[in-house]
C-alpha atoms as a PDB file:
ATOM      1  CA  MET A   1      66.356 104.055 153.535  1.00  0.00           C
ATOM      2  CA  ILE A   2      65.164 102.696 150.210  1.00  0.00           C
ATOM      3  CA  ASN A   3      63.556 105.319 147.925  1.00  0.00           C
ATOM      4  CA  GLU A   4      64.780 108.213 150.093  1.00  0.00           C
ATOM      5  CA  HIS A   5      66.618 111.151 148.569  1.00  0.00           C
ATOM      6  CA  VAL A   6      70.243 111.616 149.554  1.00  0.00           C
ATOM      7  CA  PHE A   7      69.867 115.169 148.254  1.00  0.00           C
ATOM      8  CA  TRP A   8      67.674 117.210 145.901  1.00  0.00           C
ATOM      9  CA  LYS A   9      68.681 119.313 142.896  1.00  0.00           C
ATOM     10  CA  ASP A  10      69.650 122.903 143.817  1.00  0.00           C
ATOM     11  CA  GLU A  11      70.346 122.161 147.500  1.00  0.00           C
ATOM     12  CA  ALA A  12      73.512 123.659 148.953  1.00  0.00           C
ATOM     13  CA  ALA A  13      76.402 121.244 148.434  1.00  0.00           C
ATOM     14  CA  LYS A  14      78.152 120.647 151.756  1.00  0.00           C
ATOM     15  CA  HIS A  15      79.184 116.980 151.348  1.00  0.00           C
ATOM     16  CA  PHE A  16      80.102 114.470 148.702  1.00  0.00           C
ATOM     17  CA  TYR A  17      79.407 110.766 148.945  1.00  0.00           C
ATOM     18  CA  LEU A  18      81.063 107.422 148.238  1.00  0.00           C
ATOM     19  CA  ILE A  19      78.994 104.239 147.835  1.00  0.00           C
ATOM     20  CA  ASN A  20      80.321 101.361 149.926  1.00  0.00           C
ATOM     21  CA  GLU A  21      77.352  99.029 149.293  1.00  0.00           C
ATOM     22  CA  GLY A  22      74.065  99.282 147.420  1.00  0.00           C
ATOM     23  CA  VAL A  23      72.624 101.184 144.482  1.00  0.00           C
ATOM     24  CA  CYS A  24      71.705 104.845 144.091  1.00  0.00           C
ATOM     25  CA  GLU A  25      70.019 106.534 141.161  1.00  0.00           C
ATOM     26  CA  LEU A  26      70.996 109.901 139.714  1.00  0.00           C
ATOM     27  CA  VAL A  27      67.880 111.649 138.365  1.00  0.00           C
ATOM     28  CA  ALA A  28      67.271 114.851 136.418  1.00  0.00           C
ATOM     29  CA  SER A  29      65.428 117.833 137.862  1.00  0.00           C
ATOM     30  CA  ASP A  30      62.072 116.521 136.588  1.00  0.00           C
ATOM     31  CA  GLU A  31      62.474 113.617 139.084  1.00  0.00           C
ATOM     32  CA  GLN A  32      61.516 111.223 136.248  1.00  0.00           C
ATOM     33  CA  THR A  33      64.493 111.029 133.919  1.00  0.00           C
ATOM     34  CA  LEU A  34      67.149 108.525 134.958  1.00  0.00           C
ATOM     35  CA  ILE A  35      70.667 109.764 134.324  1.00  0.00           C
ATOM     36  CA  ARG A  36      72.506 106.757 135.735  1.00  0.00           C
ATOM     37  CA  PHE A  37      72.575 104.008 138.352  1.00  0.00           C
ATOM     38  CA  MET A  38      75.584 104.048 140.676  1.00  0.00           C
ATOM     39  CA  SER A  39      76.845 101.191 142.838  1.00  0.00           C
ATOM     40  CA  LYS A  40      79.792 100.150 145.009  1.00  0.00           C
ATOM     41  CA  GLY A  41      82.863 102.263 144.331  1.00  0.00           C
ATOM     42  CA  ALA A  42      80.967 105.120 142.694  1.00  0.00           C
ATOM     43  CA  PHE A  43      80.918 108.631 144.112  1.00  0.00           C
ATOM     44  CA  PHE A  44      78.676 111.640 143.666  1.00  0.00           C
ATOM     45  CA  GLY A  45      78.181 115.200 144.890  1.00  0.00           C
ATOM     46  CA  GLU A  46      81.672 116.355 144.007  1.00  0.00           C
ATOM     47  CA  ILE A  47      80.568 118.798 141.292  1.00  0.00           C
ATOM     48  CA  GLY A  48      78.483 120.815 143.733  1.00  0.00           C
ATOM     49  CA  CYS A  49      81.207 120.772 146.375  1.00  0.00           C
ATOM     50  CA  LEU A  50      84.077 121.707 144.093  1.00  0.00           C
ATOM     51  CA  LEU A  51      82.515 123.870 141.387  1.00  0.00           C
ATOM     52  CA  THR A  52      79.021 125.291 141.809  1.00  0.00           C
ATOM     53  CA  GLY A  53      78.057 125.148 145.493  1.00  0.00           C
ATOM     54  CA  LYS A  54      74.669 123.686 144.482  1.00  0.00           C
ATOM     55  CA  ARG A  55      73.451 120.214 143.527  1.00  0.00           C
ATOM     56  CA  SER A  56      73.100 119.719 139.760  1.00  0.00           C
ATOM     57  CA  CYS A  57      70.655 116.789 140.084  1.00  0.00           C
ATOM     58  CA  SER A  58      68.966 114.589 142.698  1.00  0.00           C
ATOM     59  CA  VAL A  59      70.151 111.242 144.101  1.00  0.00           C
ATOM     60  CA  ILE A  60      67.774 108.527 145.350  1.00  0.00           C
ATOM     61  CA  VAL A  61      68.695 105.359 147.278  1.00  0.00           C
ATOM     62  CA  ARG A  62      67.280 102.297 145.436  1.00  0.00           C
ATOM     63  CA  THR A  63      68.568  99.377 147.566  1.00  0.00           C
ATOM     64  CA  THR A  64      69.916  99.037 151.077  1.00  0.00           C
ATOM     65  CA  THR A  65      72.964 101.269 150.830  1.00  0.00           C
ATOM     66  CA  ILE A  66      75.998 102.207 152.906  1.00  0.00           C
ATOM     67  CA  LEU A  67      77.361 105.665 152.062  1.00  0.00           C
ATOM     68  CA  HIS A  68      80.439 107.466 153.281  1.00  0.00           C
ATOM     69  CA  LYS A  69      79.923 111.218 153.549  1.00  0.00           C
ATOM     70  CA  ILE A  70      82.853 113.610 153.237  1.00  0.00           C
ATOM     71  CA  LYS A  71      82.391 117.177 154.397  1.00  0.00           C
ATOM     72  CA  LYS A  72      83.338 119.949 151.959  1.00  0.00           C
ATOM     73  CA  ASP A  73      85.480 121.711 154.567  1.00  0.00           C
END
């Protein structure tokens, strides 16, 4: 859904995501500072899954988006 969070900073990282369609926004912990826009072909969530176990920032859906979710296991 547009303007919904995919995940919040500091949540446990159990999945990483690939964008098939649409635009997501990577935002800093203050929920104001834009880090980057991501679109088709981009991926996110891998740092938490592979390195830290926690989310390093938040991701918000900005347009109608189709994501593929890959479980950490």
